[in-house]
Amino acid sequence: MRRAMAEAEVGDDVLEVDPTVDRLQRMTAELLGKEAALFMPSGSMTNQVAIRIHCDRGSEFICESECHIYNYEQAAFAQLSGIAVRTVMGNRGVLRAEQLRGLIRPENEHMVRTRLVCLENTHNRAGGAIQPLDELESICRWAHDNGLRTHLDGARLWNATAKTGISLERWSAPFDSVSVCFSKGLGAPVGSCIAGTRDFIHECKRARKLFGGAMRQVGIIAAGALFALEHHRDRLAEDHANAQLLAEAIRRAPGLQLHHGEVETNIVIFRIDEPLATAAQFQAALEQAGVRALAFGPQLIRLITHLDVTREDCLQAGERIEQVAEQCAAAAV
């Protein structure tokens, strides 16, 4: 990947003459079954640009209460675009169409206007859960029947396809826009794309400029994303298998429970019994044992498998997680 980046043919992408960026955008749009795509520095930017274009200033969008857009993007929709949000609690990140019926605001001068529904697949805080395709299709049909637009935060959509065999195009088809990330499971150093109609992408380019995301000889970065698309999608199943090794170790460890009871893709979230330790304490103990993890709440730890960790690494990490749990349990007695 680094060799491909070093040897990338570049131009000025602000003037739309970077051939490597153009190739990446065309390939991404084709994979997602959309007319066009636009490269940006991050998934937060692609999400926020999509929300800005789909919504009028002073309007609102609907999303699941645990989604990335609501929890991890600094309410940028409010700060940057003057847009409100209405959250709905899903079941492990999954919303159903019947939960949304009746949520569209009446058209009068007292009410904010509802414009958009945003969904996330796979769902980060739900432990990499895959959204059921039939539910996504049902929600998008309801949204479109009621004049709403739809956006998919598909940062880890690659994982949903790798797990289910359902094509990227089919996952994307119900949505007006789709955001995908190249720096998650695919392992590129930076970058995301937003995809949709040509007219939509034209407006996204204006918003990207406004948000400071227009870049010059960015083919150097785009080359890494292209390499990831061409070489790293098929191997995502390895990450899913490695995540199961970690899940098995957590099931064996005293005082630990998988937060959602199962692991579907490459995200493992587990809960620590309060007498044992806090998440911060357990994270520090894991760090000392040579296992890097993320405290994901007062009693939650998140682990993610990716192309830089092998099966052997995950087996060893699982052993050390069990050891740390046993040490904490012994100290708590």
Protein backbone atom coordinates (compact mmCIF):
# COMPACT_ATOMS: atom_id res chain seq x y z
CA MET A 1 0.00 0.00 0.00
CA ARG A 2 2.79 2.44 0.87
CA ARG A 3 4.54 1.67 -2.41
CA ALA A 4 1.30 2.35 -4.30
CA MET A 5 0.95 5.67 -2.47
CA ALA A 6 4.55 6.66 -3.19
CA GLU A 7 4.14 5.85 -6.89
CA ALA A 8 0.66 7.37 -7.30
CA GLU A 9 -0.04 9.60 -10.27
CA VAL A 10 -1.33 12.88 -8.87
CA GLY A 11 -2.82 16.18 -9.98
CA ASP A 12 -4.79 19.00 -8.40
CA ASP A 13 -8.02 17.49 -7.14
CA VAL A 14 -9.46 20.94 -6.35
CA LEU A 15 -9.37 21.46 -10.12
CA GLU A 16 -10.58 17.86 -10.66
CA VAL A 17 -7.41 16.75 -12.45
CA ASP A 18 -6.08 14.11 -10.01
CA PRO A 19 -6.41 10.81 -11.92
CA THR A 20 -5.97 8.61 -8.85
CA VAL A 21 -8.75 10.36 -6.94
CA ASP A 22 -10.95 10.14 -10.01
CA ARG A 23 -10.33 6.40 -10.26
CA LEU A 24 -11.13 5.91 -6.56
CA GLN A 25 -14.36 7.90 -6.81
CA ARG A 26 -15.49 6.03 -9.93
CA MET A 27 -14.72 2.64 -8.38
CA THR A 28 -16.51 3.50 -5.14
CA ALA A 29 -19.60 4.75 -6.97
CA GLU A 30 -19.68 1.60 -9.09
CA LEU A 31 -19.36 -0.71 -6.08
CA LEU A 32 -22.18 1.10 -4.29
CA GLY A 33 -24.38 1.31 -7.36
CA LYS A 34 -24.52 5.11 -7.32
CA GLU A 35 -23.97 7.67 -10.08
CA ALA A 36 -21.00 9.43 -8.46
CA ALA A 37 -18.83 9.62 -5.37
CA LEU A 38 -16.63 12.22 -3.66
CA PHE A 39 -13.46 11.63 -1.62
CA MET A 40 -13.10 13.38 1.75
CA PRO A 41 -10.67 13.24 4.67
CA SER A 42 -13.01 11.48 7.12
CA GLY A 43 -16.29 9.70 7.67
CA SER A 44 -17.42 12.46 10.00
CA MET A 45 -17.07 14.91 7.12
CA THR A 46 -18.93 12.71 4.65
CA ASN A 47 -21.77 12.22 7.13
CA GLN A 48 -22.01 15.90 7.98
CA VAL A 49 -21.87 16.99 4.35
CA ALA A 50 -24.67 14.55 3.53
CA ILE A 51 -26.84 15.84 6.37
CA ARG A 52 -26.22 19.44 5.33
CA ILE A 53 -27.21 18.78 1.71
CA HIS A 54 -30.26 16.68 2.53
CA CYS A 55 -31.64 19.08 5.15
CA ASP A 56 -32.59 22.74 5.15
CA ARG A 57 -31.11 24.92 7.87
CA GLY A 58 -33.50 24.77 10.83
CA SER A 59 -34.88 21.34 9.88
CA GLU A 60 -34.25 17.99 11.61
CA PHE A 61 -33.22 14.44 10.87
CA ILE A 62 -34.08 11.17 12.63
CA CYS A 63 -31.41 8.69 13.75
CA GLU A 64 -30.83 5.84 16.18
CA SER A 65 -29.79 7.10 19.62
CA GLU A 66 -26.54 5.10 19.78
CA CYS A 67 -25.32 5.90 16.27
CA HIS A 68 -21.95 7.47 15.42
CA ILE A 69 -23.44 10.61 13.87
CA TYR A 70 -25.19 11.48 17.13
CA ASN A 71 -22.55 10.35 19.64
CA TYR A 72 -19.14 10.94 18.06
CA GLU A 73 -19.29 13.90 15.70
CA GLN A 74 -19.63 16.78 18.20
CA ALA A 75 -23.20 17.52 17.09
CA ALA A 76 -21.59 19.06 14.01
CA PHE A 77 -24.99 19.04 12.31
CA ALA A 78 -26.03 21.72 14.83
CA GLN A 79 -22.73 23.59 15.06
CA LEU A 80 -21.99 23.77 11.34
CA SER A 81 -25.36 23.51 9.62
CA GLY A 82 -28.03 24.61 12.10
CA ILE A 83 -29.84 21.28 11.94
CA ALA A 84 -31.68 19.52 14.79
CA VAL A 85 -31.87 15.79 15.52
CA ARG A 86 -34.53 13.43 16.83
CA THR A 87 -33.18 10.18 18.25
CA VAL A 88 -34.95 6.85 18.57
CA MET A 89 -33.64 3.94 20.68
CA GLY A 90 -33.11 0.81 18.65
CA ASN A 91 -32.61 -2.81 19.67
CA ARG A 92 -28.86 -3.32 19.40
CA GLY A 93 -28.78 -0.38 17.02
CA VAL A 94 -31.60 -1.70 14.85
CA LEU A 95 -34.61 0.52 14.20
CA ARG A 96 -37.93 -0.73 12.84
CA ALA A 97 -40.18 1.23 10.51
CA GLU A 98 -43.06 1.12 12.99
CA GLN A 99 -40.91 3.02 15.51
CA LEU A 100 -40.67 5.95 13.10
CA ARG A 101 -44.32 6.25 12.13
CA GLY A 102 -45.82 9.37 13.64
CA LEU A 103 -42.44 11.09 14.14
CA ILE A 104 -42.65 13.39 11.12
CA ARG A 105 -43.48 16.87 12.40
CA PRO A 106 -46.73 18.53 11.29
CA GLU A 107 -46.26 21.28 8.72
CA ASN A 108 -46.85 24.48 10.69
CA GLU A 109 -44.85 27.50 11.82
CA HIS A 110 -44.33 26.11 15.33
CA MET A 111 -42.54 22.94 14.29
CA VAL A 112 -39.15 22.07 12.92
CA ARG A 113 -39.41 20.31 9.54
CA THR A 114 -38.41 16.65 9.36
CA ARG A 115 -36.24 16.02 6.31
CA LEU A 116 -34.00 12.96 6.67
CA VAL A 117 -33.48 9.51 8.21
CA CYS A 118 -29.91 8.35 8.96
CA LEU A 119 -28.96 4.73 9.68
CA GLU A 120 -25.63 3.01 10.46
CA ASN A 121 -24.38 -0.35 9.16
CA THR A 122 -22.50 -2.04 10.73
CA HIS A 123 -23.31 -0.36 14.04
CA ASN A 124 -20.27 0.61 16.10
CA ARG A 125 -21.75 0.97 19.59
CA ALA A 126 -23.89 -2.13 19.03
CA GLY A 127 -20.72 -4.18 18.68
CA GLY A 128 -20.49 -4.28 14.91
CA ALA A 129 -24.10 -5.43 14.53
CA ILE A 130 -25.38 -5.85 10.99
CA GLN A 131 -28.64 -4.11 10.23
CA PRO A 132 -31.22 -6.51 8.73
CA LEU A 133 -31.65 -5.67 5.05
CA ASP A 134 -35.43 -6.01 5.16
CA GLU A 135 -35.63 -3.48 8.00
CA LEU A 136 -33.43 -1.01 6.11
CA GLU A 137 -35.56 -1.38 3.02
CA SER A 138 -38.77 -0.97 5.01
CA ILE A 139 -37.52 2.20 6.72
CA CYS A 140 -36.33 3.71 3.45
CA ARG A 141 -39.64 2.93 1.74
CA TRP A 142 -41.50 4.61 4.59
CA ALA A 143 -39.16 7.61 4.44
CA HIS A 144 -39.48 8.06 0.68
CA ASP A 145 -43.25 7.55 0.76
CA ASN A 146 -43.36 10.47 3.21
CA GLY A 147 -41.03 12.77 1.29
CA LEU A 148 -37.95 12.18 3.47
CA ARG A 149 -34.43 11.51 2.24
CA THR A 150 -32.24 8.68 3.52
CA HIS A 151 -28.53 8.46 4.35
CA LEU A 152 -26.46 5.42 5.34
CA ASP A 153 -23.38 5.78 7.52
CA GLY A 154 -21.69 2.73 6.01
CA ALA A 155 -18.23 3.27 7.48
CA ARG A 156 -18.05 -0.50 8.02
CA LEU A 157 -20.42 -1.54 5.23
CA TRP A 158 -17.56 -3.68 3.88
CA ASN A 159 -17.91 -5.88 6.97
CA ALA A 160 -21.64 -6.31 6.46
CA THR A 161 -21.00 -7.54 2.92
CA ALA A 162 -18.15 -9.83 3.99
CA LYS A 163 -20.33 -11.43 6.68
CA THR A 164 -23.60 -11.78 4.77
CA GLY A 165 -22.56 -12.07 1.13
CA ILE A 166 -25.09 -9.34 0.31
CA SER A 167 -23.52 -7.01 -2.24
CA LEU A 168 -22.50 -3.46 -1.45
CA GLU A 169 -24.86 -2.29 -4.19
CA ARG A 170 -27.84 -4.04 -2.65
CA TRP A 171 -27.08 -2.67 0.83
CA SER A 172 -26.81 0.81 -0.67
CA ALA A 173 -29.79 0.71 -3.05
CA PRO A 174 -32.49 1.94 -0.62
CA PHE A 175 -30.51 5.06 0.33
CA ASP A 176 -30.20 8.46 -1.33
CA SER A 177 -26.61 8.69 -0.10
CA VAL A 178 -24.05 6.32 1.38
CA SER A 179 -20.83 7.08 3.25
CA VAL A 180 -18.03 4.49 3.36
CA CYS A 181 -14.68 4.58 5.15
CA PHE A 182 -11.36 3.28 3.85
CA SER A 183 -9.48 3.53 7.16
CA LYS A 184 -11.55 1.05 9.19
CA GLY A 185 -11.40 -2.65 8.27
CA LEU A 186 -9.83 -1.94 4.88
CA GLY A 187 -6.72 -0.53 6.54
CA ALA A 188 -6.01 2.59 4.47
CA PRO A 189 -4.38 5.40 6.47
CA VAL A 190 -7.10 7.99 5.87
CA GLY A 191 -10.18 8.82 3.86
CA SER A 192 -13.88 8.24 3.15
CA CYS A 193 -16.25 8.66 0.23
CA ILE A 194 -19.83 9.85 -0.06
CA ALA A 195 -21.88 8.45 -2.95
CA GLY A 196 -25.20 9.43 -4.51
CA THR A 197 -26.61 11.08 -7.62
CA ARG A 198 -24.43 13.38 -9.72
CA ASP A 199 -26.47 16.41 -8.66
CA PHE A 200 -26.14 15.46 -5.00
CA ILE A 201 -22.37 14.99 -5.30
CA HIS A 202 -22.09 18.39 -7.02
CA GLU A 203 -23.67 19.99 -3.94
CA CYS A 204 -21.48 17.86 -1.65
CA LYS A 205 -18.40 19.28 -3.34
CA ARG A 206 -19.50 22.79 -2.39
CA ALA A 207 -20.06 21.73 1.23
CA ARG A 208 -16.71 19.89 1.33
CA LYS A 209 -15.00 23.13 0.33
CA LEU A 210 -16.90 25.01 3.02
CA PHE A 211 -15.84 22.49 5.66
CA GLY A 212 -12.19 22.69 4.61
CA GLY A 213 -12.05 19.26 3.00
CA ALA A 214 -10.88 20.17 -0.50
CA MET A 215 -7.34 18.84 -1.02
CA ARG A 216 -4.73 19.28 -3.77
CA GLN A 217 -2.43 16.38 -4.75
CA VAL A 218 -4.52 14.00 -2.67
CA GLY A 219 -3.95 11.08 -5.05
CA ILE A 220 -1.17 10.05 -2.67
CA ILE A 221 -3.84 9.27 -0.07
CA ALA A 222 -6.42 8.03 -2.55
CA ALA A 223 -3.92 5.45 -3.79
CA GLY A 224 -3.93 3.83 -0.34
CA ALA A 225 -7.72 3.66 -0.41
CA LEU A 226 -7.66 2.18 -3.92
CA PHE A 227 -5.16 -0.46 -2.85
CA ALA A 228 -7.41 -1.31 0.10
CA LEU A 229 -10.47 -1.68 -2.14
CA GLU A 230 -8.59 -3.93 -4.54
CA HIS A 231 -6.77 -6.12 -2.00
CA HIS A 232 -8.33 -6.00 1.48
CA ARG A 233 -12.06 -6.61 1.12
CA ASP A 234 -11.86 -10.39 0.74
CA ARG A 235 -9.76 -10.79 3.87
CA LEU A 236 -12.32 -9.17 6.22
CA ALA A 237 -13.63 -12.64 7.05
CA GLU A 238 -10.31 -13.23 8.86
CA ASP A 239 -11.08 -10.30 11.17
CA HIS A 240 -14.51 -11.74 11.92
CA ALA A 241 -13.00 -15.13 12.75
CA ASN A 242 -10.37 -13.51 14.98
CA ALA A 243 -13.06 -11.55 16.81
CA GLN A 244 -14.71 -14.87 17.68
CA LEU A 245 -11.47 -16.00 19.34
CA LEU A 246 -11.58 -12.94 21.58
CA ALA A 247 -15.27 -13.51 22.29
CA GLU A 248 -14.56 -17.09 23.38
CA ALA A 249 -11.85 -15.90 25.77
CA ILE A 250 -14.20 -13.32 27.29
CA ARG A 251 -16.88 -15.99 27.82
CA ARG A 252 -14.32 -18.02 29.79
CA ALA A 253 -13.01 -15.10 31.85
CA PRO A 254 -14.41 -14.49 35.35
CA GLY A 255 -16.41 -11.30 35.78
CA LEU A 256 -16.63 -10.49 32.05
CA GLN A 257 -19.67 -10.69 29.77
CA LEU A 258 -20.10 -9.89 26.10
CA HIS A 259 -22.16 -6.71 26.12
CA HIS A 260 -24.63 -7.85 23.46
CA GLY A 261 -24.25 -11.57 23.97
CA GLU A 262 -22.80 -12.21 20.54
CA VAL A 263 -20.20 -10.94 18.08
CA GLU A 264 -21.18 -10.61 14.43
CA THR A 265 -18.24 -8.92 12.73
CA ASN A 266 -14.96 -7.40 13.96
CA ILE A 267 -16.06 -5.45 17.06
CA VAL A 268 -16.04 -7.05 20.50
CA ILE A 269 -17.56 -5.12 23.40
CA PHE A 270 -17.57 -6.65 26.86
CA ARG A 271 -18.81 -5.60 30.29
CA ILE A 272 -16.77 -5.85 33.48
CA ASP A 273 -18.56 -6.67 36.73
CA GLU A 274 -18.32 -3.64 39.00
CA PRO A 275 -16.66 -5.45 41.94
CA LEU A 276 -13.92 -6.54 39.55
CA ALA A 277 -12.72 -3.19 38.15
CA THR A 278 -13.80 -0.16 36.22
CA ALA A 279 -13.26 -0.05 32.48
CA ALA A 280 -10.42 2.44 32.93
CA GLN A 281 -8.70 0.18 35.47
CA PHE A 282 -9.16 -2.91 33.32
CA GLN A 283 -7.88 -1.07 30.27
CA ALA A 284 -4.76 -0.01 32.18
CA ALA A 285 -4.16 -3.59 33.32
CA LEU A 286 -4.56 -4.85 29.76
CA GLU A 287 -2.11 -2.23 28.54
CA GLN A 288 0.45 -3.49 31.06
CA ALA A 289 -0.18 -7.00 29.77
CA GLY A 290 0.50 -5.86 26.21
CA VAL A 291 -3.11 -5.71 24.98
CA ARG A 292 -4.41 -2.40 23.69
CA ALA A 293 -8.12 -1.81 24.24
CA LEU A 294 -10.54 1.10 24.52
CA ALA A 295 -12.60 1.97 27.58
CA PHE A 296 -16.03 2.38 25.98
CA GLY A 297 -18.01 3.45 29.03
CA PRO A 298 -17.74 3.16 32.83
CA GLN A 299 -17.82 -0.67 32.67
CA LEU A 300 -17.37 -1.41 28.95
CA ILE A 301 -14.28 -2.28 26.93
CA ARG A 302 -14.13 -2.36 23.11
CA LEU A 303 -11.76 -4.50 21.06
CA ILE A 304 -11.49 -4.38 17.26
CA THR A 305 -9.77 -6.89 15.01
CA HIS A 306 -8.10 -5.67 11.81
CA LEU A 307 -5.45 -6.56 9.26
CA ASP A 308 -2.57 -5.65 11.59
CA VAL A 309 -3.45 -8.39 14.13
CA THR A 310 -3.11 -12.07 13.31
CA ARG A 311 -4.92 -15.14 14.59
CA GLU A 312 -1.93 -15.82 16.84
CA ASP A 313 -2.08 -12.26 18.18
CA CYS A 314 -5.76 -12.69 19.04
CA LEU A 315 -5.21 -16.04 20.72
CA GLN A 316 -2.47 -14.49 22.84
CA ALA A 317 -4.60 -11.42 23.59
CA GLY A 318 -7.45 -13.70 24.67
CA GLU A 319 -5.15 -15.52 27.09
CA ARG A 320 -3.98 -12.23 28.58
CA ILE A 321 -7.54 -10.94 28.93
CA GLU A 322 -8.41 -14.08 30.90
CA GLN A 323 -5.30 -13.66 33.05
CA VAL A 324 -6.09 -10.03 33.84
CA ALA A 325 -9.68 -10.93 34.71
CA GLU A 326 -8.47 -13.69 37.04
CA GLN A 327 -6.02 -11.31 38.72
CA CYS A 328 -8.75 -8.69 39.20
CA ALA A 329 -11.15 -11.31 40.56
CA ALA A 330 -8.55 -12.55 43.04
CA ALA A 331 -7.82 -8.98 44.20
CA ALA A 332 -11.53 -8.26 44.64
CA VAL A 333 -12.06 -11.16 47.04
